[in-house]
Amino acid sequence: MSEEMVVTGNEAITVVDALTSTSLRILQLLSKERLDVSMIGERLGLSEAYISEQVRRLEELKLIRVDYERGTRGIRKMCQTTVNKITIIIKSETTRTNG
């Protein structure tokens, strides 16, 4: 797991847009342990379909990693965080030249 993800510019906008209260709660759960989509849904009191969509977005942003494991009733989609800190740079420092 990476310690920190630093995002700027358009990437920062994409990450901020994806970080709904639900996705933040998912990240908090996954920071403690690996969970499958159904367990995340149970703990948050939300449908698997909704959690699956949130997980897909978080995976696209590389904030979580998904592995597939054989379960008692088919394949389980196991999720874990890839970072424990996200830093958003709003204004990047630019070099100024006089002249």
PDB file of N, CA and C in Angstrom:
ATOM      1  N   MET A   1       0.849  -1.182   0.000  1.00  0.00           N
ATOM      2  CA  MET A   1       0.000   0.000   0.000  1.00  0.00           C
ATOM      3  C   MET A   1       0.885   1.232   0.000  1.00  0.00           C
ATOM      4  N   SER A   2       0.547   2.175  -0.841  1.00  0.00           N
ATOM      5  CA  SER A   2       1.245   3.452  -0.896  1.00  0.00           C
ATOM      6  C   SER A   2       0.827   4.287   0.310  1.00  0.00           C
ATOM      7  N   GLU A   3       1.737   5.059   0.802  1.00  0.00           N
ATOM      8  CA  GLU A   3       1.410   5.915   1.942  1.00  0.00           C
ATOM      9  C   GLU A   3       0.510   7.077   1.554  1.00  0.00           C
ATOM     10  N   GLU A   4       0.792   7.678   0.381  1.00  0.00           N
ATOM     11  CA  GLU A   4       0.092   8.911   0.035  1.00  0.00           C
ATOM     12  C   GLU A   4      -0.121   9.012  -1.464  1.00  0.00           C
ATOM     13  N   MET A   5      -1.262   9.564  -1.850  1.00  0.00           N
ATOM     14  CA  MET A   5      -1.532   9.907  -3.238  1.00  0.00           C
ATOM     15  C   MET A   5      -1.622  11.425  -3.293  1.00  0.00           C
ATOM     16  N   VAL A   6      -0.853  12.033  -4.188  1.00  0.00           N
ATOM     17  CA  VAL A   6      -0.881  13.484  -4.364  1.00  0.00           C
ATOM     18  C   VAL A   6      -1.506  13.761  -5.722  1.00  0.00           C
ATOM     19  N   VAL A   7      -2.539  14.595  -5.739  1.00  0.00           N
ATOM     20  CA  VAL A   7      -3.228  14.902  -6.987  1.00  0.00           C
ATOM     21  C   VAL A   7      -3.288  16.411  -7.200  1.00  0.00           C
ATOM     22  N   THR A   8      -3.178  16.806  -8.454  1.00  0.00           N
ATOM     23  CA  THR A   8      -3.255  18.217  -8.838  1.00  0.00           C
ATOM     24  C   THR A   8      -4.102  18.335 -10.102  1.00  0.00           C
ATOM     25  N   GLY A   9      -4.445  19.541 -10.449  1.00  0.00           N
ATOM     26  CA  GLY A   9      -5.119  19.821 -11.712  1.00  0.00           C
ATOM     27  C   GLY A   9      -6.383  19.016 -11.927  1.00  0.00           C
ATOM     28  N   ASN A  10      -6.544  18.513 -13.167  1.00  0.00           N
ATOM     29  CA  ASN A  10      -7.745  17.760 -13.527  1.00  0.00           C
ATOM     30  C   ASN A  10      -7.890  16.479 -12.716  1.00  0.00           C
ATOM     31  N   GLU A  11      -6.763  15.863 -12.379  1.00  0.00           N
ATOM     32  CA  GLU A  11      -6.820  14.645 -11.560  1.00  0.00           C
ATOM     33  C   GLU A  11      -7.436  14.956 -10.191  1.00  0.00           C
ATOM     34  N   ALA A  12      -7.083  16.104  -9.625  1.00  0.00           N
ATOM     35  CA  ALA A  12      -7.645  16.507  -8.331  1.00  0.00           C
ATOM     36  C   ALA A  12      -9.159  16.689  -8.438  1.00  0.00           C
ATOM     37  N   ILE A  13      -9.606  17.295  -9.522  1.00  0.00           N
ATOM     38  CA  ILE A  13     -11.043  17.506  -9.728  1.00  0.00           C
ATOM     39  C   ILE A  13     -11.763  16.163  -9.809  1.00  0.00           C
ATOM     40  N   THR A  14     -11.191  15.222 -10.541  1.00  0.00           N
ATOM     41  CA  THR A  14     -11.789  13.897 -10.684  1.00  0.00           C
ATOM     42  C   THR A  14     -11.872  13.181  -9.345  1.00  0.00           C
ATOM     43  N   VAL A  15     -10.802  13.247  -8.560  1.00  0.00           N
ATOM     44  CA  VAL A  15     -10.777  12.577  -7.255  1.00  0.00           C
ATOM     45  C   VAL A  15     -11.788  13.211  -6.309  1.00  0.00           C
ATOM     46  N   VAL A  16     -11.803  14.531  -6.243  1.00  0.00           N
ATOM     47  CA  VAL A  16     -12.743  15.221  -5.348  1.00  0.00           C
ATOM     48  C   VAL A  16     -14.181  14.892  -5.739  1.00  0.00           C
ATOM     49  N   ASP A  17     -14.461  14.872  -7.030  1.00  0.00           N
ATOM     50  CA  ASP A  17     -15.801  14.556  -7.512  1.00  0.00           C
ATOM     51  C   ASP A  17     -16.227  13.146  -7.093  1.00  0.00           C
ATOM     52  N   ALA A  18     -15.277  12.217  -7.080  1.00  0.00           N
ATOM     53  CA  ALA A  18     -15.581  10.822  -6.738  1.00  0.00           C
ATOM     54  C   ALA A  18     -15.726  10.587  -5.243  1.00  0.00           C
ATOM     55  N   LEU A  19     -15.184  11.479  -4.429  1.00  0.00           N
ATOM     56  CA  LEU A  19     -15.178  11.262  -2.981  1.00  0.00           C
ATOM     57  C   LEU A  19     -16.474  11.742  -2.325  1.00  0.00           C
ATOM     58  N   THR A  20     -17.528  10.998  -2.582  1.00  0.00           N
ATOM     59  CA  THR A  20     -18.800  11.252  -1.912  1.00  0.00           C
ATOM     60  C   THR A  20     -18.686  10.776  -0.468  1.00  0.00           C
ATOM     61  N   SER A  21     -19.681  11.075   0.325  1.00  0.00           N
ATOM     62  CA  SER A  21     -19.633  10.600   1.714  1.00  0.00           C
ATOM     63  C   SER A  21     -19.611   9.073   1.760  1.00  0.00           C
ATOM     64  N   THR A  22     -20.317   8.430   0.833  1.00  0.00           N
ATOM     65  CA  THR A  22     -20.312   6.963   0.801  1.00  0.00           C
ATOM     66  C   THR A  22     -18.939   6.424   0.454  1.00  0.00           C
ATOM     67  N   SER A  23     -18.298   6.989  -0.556  1.00  0.00           N
ATOM     68  CA  SER A  23     -16.981   6.471  -0.931  1.00  0.00           C
ATOM     69  C   SER A  23     -15.952   6.723   0.166  1.00  0.00           C
ATOM     70  N   LEU A  24     -16.083   7.821   0.881  1.00  0.00           N
ATOM     71  CA  LEU A  24     -15.184   8.056   2.021  1.00  0.00           C
ATOM     72  C   LEU A  24     -15.428   7.025   3.117  1.00  0.00           C
ATOM     73  N   ARG A  25     -16.680   6.695   3.358  1.00  0.00           N
ATOM     74  CA  ARG A  25     -16.991   5.669   4.359  1.00  0.00           C
ATOM     75  C   ARG A  25     -16.446   4.307   3.925  1.00  0.00           C
ATOM     76  N   ILE A  26     -16.509   4.020   2.628  1.00  0.00           N
ATOM     77  CA  ILE A  26     -15.941   2.774   2.106  1.00  0.00           C
ATOM     78  C   ILE A  26     -14.436   2.751   2.346  1.00  0.00           C
ATOM     79  N   LEU A  27     -13.757   3.848   2.031  1.00  0.00           N
ATOM     80  CA  LEU A  27     -12.309   3.918   2.248  1.00  0.00           C
ATOM     81  C   LEU A  27     -11.962   3.742   3.721  1.00  0.00           C
ATOM     82  N   GLN A  28     -12.765   4.331   4.597  1.00  0.00           N
ATOM     83  CA  GLN A  28     -12.513   4.180   6.034  1.00  0.00           C
ATOM     84  C   GLN A  28     -12.661   2.727   6.470  1.00  0.00           C
ATOM     85  N   LEU A  29     -13.690   2.046   5.986  1.00  0.00           N
ATOM     86  CA  LEU A  29     -13.864   0.627   6.309  1.00  0.00           C
ATOM     87  C   LEU A  29     -12.683  -0.195   5.808  1.00  0.00           C
ATOM     88  N   LEU A  30     -12.283   0.076   4.569  1.00  0.00           N
ATOM     89  CA  LEU A  30     -11.217  -0.711   3.955  1.00  0.00           C
ATOM     90  C   LEU A  30      -9.845  -0.390   4.532  1.00  0.00           C
ATOM     91  N   SER A  31      -9.716   0.737   5.205  1.00  0.00           N
ATOM     92  CA  SER A  31      -8.432   1.051   5.838  1.00  0.00           C
ATOM     93  C   SER A  31      -8.180   0.131   7.034  1.00  0.00           C
ATOM     94  N   LYS A  32      -9.244  -0.492   7.533  1.00  0.00           N
ATOM     95  CA  LYS A  32      -9.127  -1.389   8.688  1.00  0.00           C
ATOM     96  C   LYS A  32      -8.983  -2.847   8.278  1.00  0.00           C
ATOM     97  N   GLU A  33      -9.643  -3.233   7.161  1.00  0.00           N
ATOM     98  CA  GLU A  33      -9.613  -4.631   6.729  1.00  0.00           C
ATOM     99  C   GLU A  33     -10.112  -4.767   5.299  1.00  0.00           C
ATOM    100  N   ARG A  34      -9.714  -5.876   4.660  1.00  0.00           N
ATOM    101  CA  ARG A  34     -10.234  -6.213   3.335  1.00  0.00           C
ATOM    102  C   ARG A  34     -11.672  -6.681   3.501  1.00  0.00           C
ATOM    103  N   LEU A  35     -12.535  -6.230   2.606  1.00  0.00           N
ATOM    104  CA  LEU A  35     -13.945  -6.632   2.654  1.00  0.00           C
ATOM    105  C   LEU A  35     -14.445  -6.884   1.244  1.00  0.00           C
ATOM    106  N   ASP A  36     -15.450  -7.748   1.130  1.00  0.00           N
ATOM    107  CA  ASP A  36     -16.083  -7.904  -0.172  1.00  0.00           C
ATOM    108  C   ASP A  36     -17.254  -6.923  -0.279  1.00  0.00           C
ATOM    109  N   VAL A  37     -17.766  -6.795  -1.483  1.00  0.00           N
ATOM    110  CA  VAL A  37     -18.805  -5.803  -1.767  1.00  0.00           C
ATOM    111  C   VAL A  37     -20.039  -6.020  -0.892  1.00  0.00           C
ATOM    112  N   SER A  38     -20.434  -7.270  -0.686  1.00  0.00           N
ATOM    113  CA  SER A  38     -21.634  -7.517   0.123  1.00  0.00           C
ATOM    114  C   SER A  38     -21.420  -7.126   1.585  1.00  0.00           C
ATOM    115  N   MET A  39     -20.224  -7.365   2.120  1.00  0.00           N
ATOM    116  CA  MET A  39     -19.931  -6.971   3.504  1.00  0.00           C
ATOM    117  C   MET A  39     -19.926  -5.447   3.644  1.00  0.00           C
ATOM    118  N   ILE A  40     -19.375  -4.755   2.649  1.00  0.00           N
ATOM    119  CA  ILE A  40     -19.386  -3.289   2.680  1.00  0.00           C
ATOM    120  C   ILE A  40     -20.831  -2.799   2.696  1.00  0.00           C
ATOM    121  N   GLY A  41     -21.658  -3.369   1.817  1.00  0.00           N
ATOM    122  CA  GLY A  41     -23.068  -3.000   1.760  1.00  0.00           C
ATOM    123  C   GLY A  41     -23.786  -3.240   3.074  1.00  0.00           C
ATOM    124  N   GLU A  42     -23.518  -4.389   3.690  1.00  0.00           N
ATOM    125  CA  GLU A  42     -24.138  -4.705   4.985  1.00  0.00           C
ATOM    126  C   GLU A  42     -23.750  -3.686   6.045  1.00  0.00           C
ATOM    127  N   ARG A  43     -22.465  -3.393   6.123  1.00  0.00           N
ATOM    128  CA  ARG A  43     -21.988  -2.481   7.170  1.00  0.00           C
ATOM    129  C   ARG A  43     -22.498  -1.059   6.986  1.00  0.00           C
ATOM    130  N   LEU A  44     -22.682  -0.654   5.730  1.00  0.00           N
ATOM    131  CA  LEU A  44     -23.146   0.709   5.471  1.00  0.00           C
ATOM    132  C   LEU A  44     -24.662   0.786   5.296  1.00  0.00           C
ATOM    133  N   GLY A  45     -25.321  -0.358   5.246  1.00  0.00           N
ATOM    134  CA  GLY A  45     -26.768  -0.378   5.066  1.00  0.00           C
ATOM    135  C   GLY A  45     -27.193   0.064   3.680  1.00  0.00           C
ATOM    136  N   LEU A  46     -26.382  -0.283   2.677  1.00  0.00           N
ATOM    137  CA  LEU A  46     -26.657   0.121   1.296  1.00  0.00           C
ATOM    138  C   LEU A  46     -26.661  -1.103   0.383  1.00  0.00           C
ATOM    139  N   SER A  47     -27.275  -0.973  -0.788  1.00  0.00           N
ATOM    140  CA  SER A  47     -27.391  -2.101  -1.711  1.00  0.00           C
ATOM    141  C   SER A  47     -26.038  -2.463  -2.323  1.00  0.00           C
ATOM    142  N   GLU A  48     -25.907  -3.751  -2.678  1.00  0.00           N
ATOM    143  CA  GLU A  48     -24.685  -4.206  -3.344  1.00  0.00           C
ATOM    144  C   GLU A  48     -24.486  -3.496  -4.677  1.00  0.00           C
ATOM    145  N   ALA A  49     -25.574  -3.234  -5.389  1.00  0.00           N
ATOM    146  CA  ALA A  49     -25.469  -2.561  -6.690  1.00  0.00           C
ATOM    147  C   ALA A  49     -24.847  -1.175  -6.528  1.00  0.00           C
ATOM    148  N   TYR A  50     -25.309  -0.431  -5.530  1.00  0.00           N
ATOM    149  CA  TYR A  50     -24.770   0.911  -5.291  1.00  0.00           C
ATOM    150  C   TYR A  50     -23.311   0.836  -4.845  1.00  0.00           C
ATOM    151  N   ILE A  51     -23.003  -0.092  -3.946  1.00  0.00           N
ATOM    152  CA  ILE A  51     -21.624  -0.257  -3.478  1.00  0.00           C
ATOM    153  C   ILE A  51     -20.723  -0.661  -4.638  1.00  0.00           C
ATOM    154  N   SER A  52     -21.193  -1.545  -5.505  1.00  0.00           N
ATOM    155  CA  SER A  52     -20.398  -1.975  -6.666  1.00  0.00           C
ATOM    156  C   SER A  52     -20.016  -0.796  -7.549  1.00  0.00           C
ATOM    157  N   GLU A  53     -20.953   0.114  -7.754  1.00  0.00           N
ATOM    158  CA  GLU A  53     -20.668   1.306  -8.566  1.00  0.00           C
ATOM    159  C   GLU A  53     -19.619   2.184  -7.889  1.00  0.00           C
ATOM    160  N   GLN A  54     -19.751   2.393  -6.589  1.00  0.00           N
ATOM    161  CA  GLN A  54     -18.770   3.196  -5.852  1.00  0.00           C
ATOM    162  C   GLN A  54     -17.393   2.531  -5.884  1.00  0.00           C
ATOM    163  N   VAL A  55     -17.362   1.220  -5.714  1.00  0.00           N
ATOM    164  CA  VAL A  55     -16.104   0.466  -5.750  1.00  0.00           C
ATOM    165  C   VAL A  55     -15.453   0.597  -7.122  1.00  0.00           C
ATOM    166  N   ARG A  56     -16.254   0.514  -8.184  1.00  0.00           N
ATOM    167  CA  ARG A  56     -15.716   0.654  -9.540  1.00  0.00           C
ATOM    168  C   ARG A  56     -15.033   2.008  -9.717  1.00  0.00           C
ATOM    169  N   ARG A  57     -15.675   3.071  -9.247  1.00  0.00           N
ATOM    170  CA  ARG A  57     -15.093   4.416  -9.367  1.00  0.00           C
ATOM    171  C   ARG A  57     -13.805   4.538  -8.559  1.00  0.00           C
ATOM    172  N   LEU A  58     -13.813   4.007  -7.341  1.00  0.00           N
ATOM    173  CA  LEU A  58     -12.613   4.072  -6.502  1.00  0.00           C
ATOM    174  C   LEU A  58     -11.471   3.258  -7.110  1.00  0.00           C
ATOM    175  N   GLU A  59     -11.810   2.139  -7.731  1.00  0.00           N
ATOM    176  CA  GLU A  59     -10.790   1.321  -8.384  1.00  0.00           C
ATOM    177  C   GLU A  59     -10.211   2.038  -9.604  1.00  0.00           C
ATOM    178  N   GLU A  60     -11.057   2.686 -10.397  1.00  0.00           N
ATOM    179  CA  GLU A  60     -10.584   3.447 -11.560  1.00  0.00           C
ATOM    180  C   GLU A  60      -9.598   4.535 -11.152  1.00  0.00           C
ATOM    181  N   LEU A  61      -9.821   5.132  -9.990  1.00  0.00           N
ATOM    182  CA  LEU A  61      -8.945   6.191  -9.487  1.00  0.00           C
ATOM    183  C   LEU A  61      -7.727   5.643  -8.751  1.00  0.00           C
ATOM    184  N   LYS A  62      -7.636   4.313  -8.684  1.00  0.00           N
ATOM    185  CA  LYS A  62      -6.523   3.637  -8.012  1.00  0.00           C
ATOM    186  C   LYS A  62      -6.475   3.923  -6.508  1.00  0.00           C
ATOM    187  N   LEU A  63      -7.630   4.205  -5.925  1.00  0.00           N
ATOM    188  CA  LEU A  63      -7.720   4.407  -4.481  1.00  0.00           C
ATOM    189  C   LEU A  63      -7.947   3.090  -3.752  1.00  0.00           C
ATOM    190  N   ILE A  64      -8.471   2.102  -4.481  1.00  0.00           N
ATOM    191  CA  ILE A  64      -8.606   0.758  -3.925  1.00  0.00           C
ATOM    192  C   ILE A  64      -8.152  -0.260  -4.963  1.00  0.00           C
ATOM    193  N   ARG A  65      -7.861  -1.455  -4.480  1.00  0.00           N
ATOM    194  CA  ARG A  65      -7.521  -2.570  -5.360  1.00  0.00           C
ATOM    195  C   ARG A  65      -8.566  -3.651  -5.142  1.00  0.00           C
ATOM    196  N   VAL A  66      -8.963  -4.308  -6.222  1.00  0.00           N
ATOM    197  CA  VAL A  66      -9.962  -5.368  -6.151  1.00  0.00           C
ATOM    198  C   VAL A  66      -9.323  -6.677  -6.603  1.00  0.00           C
ATOM    199  N   ASP A  67      -9.509  -7.714  -5.803  1.00  0.00           N
ATOM    200  CA  ASP A  67      -9.075  -9.066  -6.146  1.00  0.00           C
ATOM    201  C   ASP A  67     -10.304  -9.962  -6.105  1.00  0.00           C
ATOM    202  N   TYR A  68     -10.292 -10.991  -6.926  1.00  0.00           N
ATOM    203  CA  TYR A  68     -11.414 -11.922  -6.959  1.00  0.00           C
ATOM    204  C   TYR A  68     -10.994 -13.226  -6.293  1.00  0.00           C
ATOM    205  N   GLU A  69     -11.836 -13.708  -5.377  1.00  0.00           N
ATOM    206  CA  GLU A  69     -11.559 -14.942  -4.643  1.00  0.00           C
ATOM    207  C   GLU A  69     -12.784 -15.844  -4.689  1.00  0.00           C
ATOM    208  N   ARG A  70     -12.524 -17.128  -4.668  1.00  0.00           N
ATOM    209  CA  ARG A  70     -13.619 -18.091  -4.643  1.00  0.00           C
ATOM    210  C   ARG A  70     -14.301 -18.038  -3.277  1.00  0.00           C
ATOM    211  N   GLY A  71     -15.595 -17.939  -3.283  1.00  0.00           N
ATOM    212  CA  GLY A  71     -16.376 -17.918  -2.048  1.00  0.00           C
ATOM    213  C   GLY A  71     -17.278 -19.132  -1.963  1.00  0.00           C
ATOM    214  N   THR A  72     -18.071 -19.219  -0.921  1.00  0.00           N
ATOM    215  CA  THR A  72     -18.973 -20.365  -0.763  1.00  0.00           C
ATOM    216  C   THR A  72     -20.100 -20.341  -1.791  1.00  0.00           C
ATOM    217  N   ARG A  73     -20.455 -19.148  -2.264  1.00  0.00           N
ATOM    218  CA  ARG A  73     -21.524 -19.029  -3.265  1.00  0.00           C
ATOM    219  C   ARG A  73     -21.037 -18.271  -4.490  1.00  0.00           C
ATOM    220  N   GLY A  74     -19.919 -18.670  -5.055  1.00  0.00           N
ATOM    221  CA  GLY A  74     -19.409 -18.018  -6.255  1.00  0.00           C
ATOM    222  C   GLY A  74     -18.146 -17.226  -5.979  1.00  0.00           C
ATOM    223  N   ILE A  75     -17.912 -16.238  -6.808  1.00  0.00           N
ATOM    224  CA  ILE A  75     -16.706 -15.414  -6.723  1.00  0.00           C
ATOM    225  C   ILE A  75     -16.986 -14.190  -5.861  1.00  0.00           C
ATOM    226  N   ARG A  76     -16.068 -13.902  -4.955  1.00  0.00           N
ATOM    227  CA  ARG A  76     -16.178 -12.716  -4.090  1.00  0.00           C
ATOM    228  C   ARG A  76     -15.242 -11.632  -4.615  1.00  0.00           C
ATOM    229  N   LYS A  77     -15.739 -10.416  -4.647  1.00  0.00           N
ATOM    230  CA  LYS A  77     -14.959  -9.261  -5.075  1.00  0.00           C
ATOM    231  C   LYS A  77     -14.380  -8.615  -3.816  1.00  0.00           C
ATOM    232  N   MET A  78     -13.104  -8.919  -3.508  1.00  0.00           N
ATOM    233  CA  MET A  78     -12.450  -8.437  -2.295  1.00  0.00           C
ATOM    234  C   MET A  78     -11.778  -7.088  -2.567  1.00  0.00           C
ATOM    235  N   CYS A  79     -11.993  -6.142  -1.671  1.00  0.00           N
ATOM    236  CA  CYS A  79     -11.497  -4.781  -1.857  1.00  0.00           C
ATOM    237  C   CYS A  79     -10.544  -4.407  -0.729  1.00  0.00           C
ATOM    238  N   GLN A  80      -9.525  -3.618  -1.070  1.00  0.00           N
ATOM    239  CA  GLN A  80      -8.629  -3.069  -0.056  1.00  0.00           C
ATOM    240  C   GLN A  80      -8.109  -1.725  -0.537  1.00  0.00           C
ATOM    241  N   THR A  81      -7.764  -0.865   0.406  1.00  0.00           N
ATOM    242  CA  THR A  81      -7.255   0.455   0.040  1.00  0.00           C
ATOM    243  C   THR A  81      -5.847   0.338  -0.523  1.00  0.00           C
ATOM    244  N   THR A  82      -5.489   1.283  -1.372  1.00  0.00           N
ATOM    245  CA  THR A  82      -4.126   1.340  -1.903  1.00  0.00           C
ATOM    246  C   THR A  82      -3.354   2.514  -1.315  1.00  0.00           C
ATOM    247  N   VAL A  83      -4.058   3.445  -0.694  1.00  0.00           N
ATOM    248  CA  VAL A  83      -3.419   4.608  -0.063  1.00  0.00           C
ATOM    249  C   VAL A  83      -4.067   4.849   1.295  1.00  0.00           C
ATOM    250  N   ASN A  84      -3.341   5.514   2.177  1.00  0.00           N
ATOM    251  CA  ASN A  84      -3.965   5.882   3.449  1.00  0.00           C
ATOM    252  C   ASN A  84      -4.042   7.391   3.620  1.00  0.00           C
ATOM    253  N   LYS A  85      -3.591   8.115   2.593  1.00  0.00           N
ATOM    254  CA  LYS A  85      -3.642   9.575   2.654  1.00  0.00           C
ATOM    255  C   LYS A  85      -3.758  10.114   1.230  1.00  0.00           C
ATOM    256  N   ILE A  86      -4.647  11.087   1.047  1.00  0.00           N
ATOM    257  CA  ILE A  86      -4.807  11.752  -0.250  1.00  0.00           C
ATOM    258  C   ILE A  86      -4.544  13.231  -0.032  1.00  0.00           C
ATOM    259  N   THR A  87      -3.568  13.766  -0.755  1.00  0.00           N
ATOM    260  CA  THR A  87      -3.257  15.187  -0.679  1.00  0.00           C
ATOM    261  C   THR A  87      -3.688  15.839  -1.986  1.00  0.00           C
ATOM    262  N   ILE A  88      -4.490  16.877  -1.875  1.00  0.00           N
ATOM    263  CA  ILE A  88      -4.980  17.592  -3.052  1.00  0.00           C
ATOM    264  C   ILE A  88      -4.287  18.940  -3.109  1.00  0.00           C
ATOM    265  N   ILE A  89      -3.547  19.161  -4.181  1.00  0.00           N
ATOM    266  CA  ILE A  89      -2.852  20.426  -4.394  1.00  0.00           C
ATOM    267  C   ILE A  89      -3.779  21.319  -5.212  1.00  0.00           C
ATOM    268  N   ILE A  90      -4.233  22.399  -4.605  1.00  0.00           N
ATOM    269  CA  ILE A  90      -5.163  23.298  -5.287  1.00  0.00           C
ATOM    270  C   ILE A  90      -4.415  24.233  -6.226  1.00  0.00           C
ATOM    271  N   LYS A  91      -3.327  24.790  -5.750  1.00  0.00           N
ATOM    272  CA  LYS A  91      -2.545  25.713  -6.569  1.00  0.00           C
ATOM    273  C   LYS A  91      -1.112  25.220  -6.598  1.00  0.00           C
ATOM    274  N   SER A  92      -0.634  24.953  -7.804  1.00  0.00           N
ATOM    275  CA  SER A  92       0.750  24.502  -7.910  1.00  0.00           C
ATOM    276  C   SER A  92       1.663  25.713  -7.979  1.00  0.00           C
ATOM    277  N   GLU A  93       2.832  25.548  -7.424  1.00  0.00           N
ATOM    278  CA  GLU A  93       3.825  26.617  -7.448  1.00  0.00           C
ATOM    279  C   GLU A  93       4.426  26.694  -8.845  1.00  0.00           C
ATOM    280  N   THR A  94       4.494  27.895  -9.388  1.00  0.00           N
ATOM    281  CA  THR A  94       5.115  28.078 -10.697  1.00  0.00           C
ATOM    282  C   THR A  94       6.338  28.958 -10.535  1.00  0.00           C
ATOM    283  N   THR A  95       7.276  28.748 -11.407  1.00  0.00           N
ATOM    284  CA  THR A  95       8.494  29.542 -11.366  1.00  0.00           C
ATOM    285  C   THR A  95       8.241  30.853 -12.082  1.00  0.00           C
ATOM    286  N   ARG A  96       8.567  31.948 -11.420  1.00  0.00           N
ATOM    287  CA  ARG A  96       8.396  33.266 -12.022  1.00  0.00           C
ATOM    288  C   ARG A  96       9.753  33.765 -12.484  1.00  0.00           C
ATOM    289  N   THR A  97       9.752  34.393 -13.615  1.00  0.00           N
ATOM    290  CA  THR A  97      10.981  35.017 -14.102  1.00  0.00           C
ATOM    291  C   THR A  97      10.737  36.506 -14.240  1.00  0.00           C
ATOM    292  N   ASN A  98      11.717  37.285 -13.892  1.00  0.00           N
ATOM    293  CA  ASN A  98      11.617  38.739 -14.042  1.00  0.00           C
ATOM    294  C   ASN A  98      12.231  39.122 -15.374  1.00  0.00           C
ATOM    295  N   GLY A  99      11.600  40.030 -16.022  1.00  0.00           N
ATOM    296  CA  GLY A  99      12.239  40.495 -17.239  1.00  0.00           C
ATOM    297  C   GLY A  99      11.346  40.915 -18.284  1.00  0.00           C
TER     298      GLY A  99
END
